[in-house]
Amino acid sequence: LVEIIGFTDTVGPVEFNVWLAERRVRSVIDALVRRGVPNETLIAVPKGPFDLPVPTGPNVSEPINRAVAVQVSGPS
């Protein structure tokens, strides 16, 4: 399975940031599917401004947090 994890910084309303994270995740998933990755192997995880790669306080513009991460997990 492949988790596509979307993040945002903490600037702006939480609702907008969650929507933006969902949009980022969907964009990556669409690109992977167009390149032949089976949709059923992709899991969307839009975290928005929560559980960030670089923890910050409210209304902090942190470019590293405006990203999508791809986490691949194989059979255990």
Protein backbone atom coordinates (compact mmCIF):
# COMPACT_ATOMS: atom_id res chain seq x y z
CA LEU A 1 0.00 0.00 0.00
CA VAL A 2 1.02 3.58 -0.63
CA GLU A 3 -0.08 6.40 1.67
CA ILE A 4 -0.22 9.84 0.10
CA ILE A 5 -0.02 12.28 3.02
CA GLY A 6 -0.88 15.96 2.47
CA PHE A 7 0.27 18.78 4.73
CA THR A 8 -0.13 22.55 4.93
CA ASP A 9 1.38 25.19 7.15
CA THR A 10 -0.71 26.72 9.95
CA VAL A 11 -1.48 30.02 8.21
CA GLY A 12 -5.19 30.57 7.59
CA PRO A 13 -8.38 28.78 8.59
CA VAL A 14 -8.15 25.10 9.51
CA GLU A 15 -11.00 24.23 7.13
CA PHE A 16 -9.17 25.76 4.20
CA ASN A 17 -5.92 24.00 5.08
CA VAL A 18 -7.66 20.62 5.32
CA TRP A 19 -9.27 21.26 1.91
CA LEU A 20 -5.88 22.27 0.48
CA ALA A 21 -4.24 19.13 1.86
CA GLU A 22 -7.00 17.02 0.27
CA ARG A 23 -6.43 18.80 -3.04
CA ARG A 24 -2.69 18.17 -2.88
CA VAL A 25 -3.23 14.49 -2.08
CA ARG A 26 -5.76 14.08 -4.90
CA SER A 27 -3.36 15.73 -7.36
CA VAL A 28 -0.58 13.26 -6.50
CA ILE A 29 -2.96 10.28 -6.60
CA ASP A 30 -4.28 11.34 -10.01
CA ALA A 31 -0.71 11.66 -11.35
CA LEU A 32 0.26 8.22 -10.02
CA VAL A 33 -2.86 6.58 -11.48
CA ARG A 34 -2.16 8.20 -14.87
CA ARG A 35 1.28 6.57 -14.72
CA GLY A 36 -0.18 3.13 -14.08
CA VAL A 37 -0.23 2.80 -10.28
CA PRO A 38 -3.43 0.93 -9.31
CA ASN A 39 -5.84 3.27 -7.52
CA GLU A 40 -6.76 0.56 -5.00
CA THR A 41 -3.18 0.58 -3.67
CA LEU A 42 -3.28 4.31 -2.85
CA ILE A 43 -4.53 5.67 0.47
CA ALA A 44 -5.31 9.39 0.83
CA VAL A 45 -4.24 10.91 4.17
CA PRO A 46 -4.89 14.67 4.17
CA LYS A 47 -3.48 15.93 7.48
CA GLY A 48 -3.57 19.63 6.67
CA PRO A 49 -2.05 21.65 9.54
CA PHE A 50 -1.94 18.67 11.94
CA ASP A 51 0.96 16.31 12.76
CA LEU A 52 3.34 18.43 10.70
CA PRO A 53 6.86 17.49 9.56
CA VAL A 54 8.09 20.73 11.20
CA PRO A 55 5.96 21.47 14.28
CA THR A 56 5.02 25.14 14.51
CA GLY A 57 2.62 27.37 16.36
CA PRO A 58 -0.50 28.95 14.86
CA ASN A 59 -0.16 31.18 11.79
CA VAL A 60 3.45 30.23 11.05
CA SER A 61 4.47 30.09 7.41
CA GLU A 62 6.75 27.04 7.12
CA PRO A 63 7.52 26.00 3.51
CA ILE A 64 8.55 22.46 4.47
CA ASN A 65 5.05 21.84 5.81
CA ARG A 66 3.44 22.75 2.48
CA ALA A 67 4.07 19.35 0.95
CA VAL A 68 2.93 15.84 0.15
CA ALA A 69 4.74 12.78 1.49
CA VAL A 70 4.57 9.31 -0.02
CA GLN A 71 4.93 6.38 2.36
CA VAL A 72 5.19 2.89 0.91
CA SER A 73 4.50 -0.12 3.09
CA GLY A 74 5.11 -3.67 1.99
CA PRO A 75 4.10 -7.04 3.37
CA SER A 76 5.34 -7.71 6.90
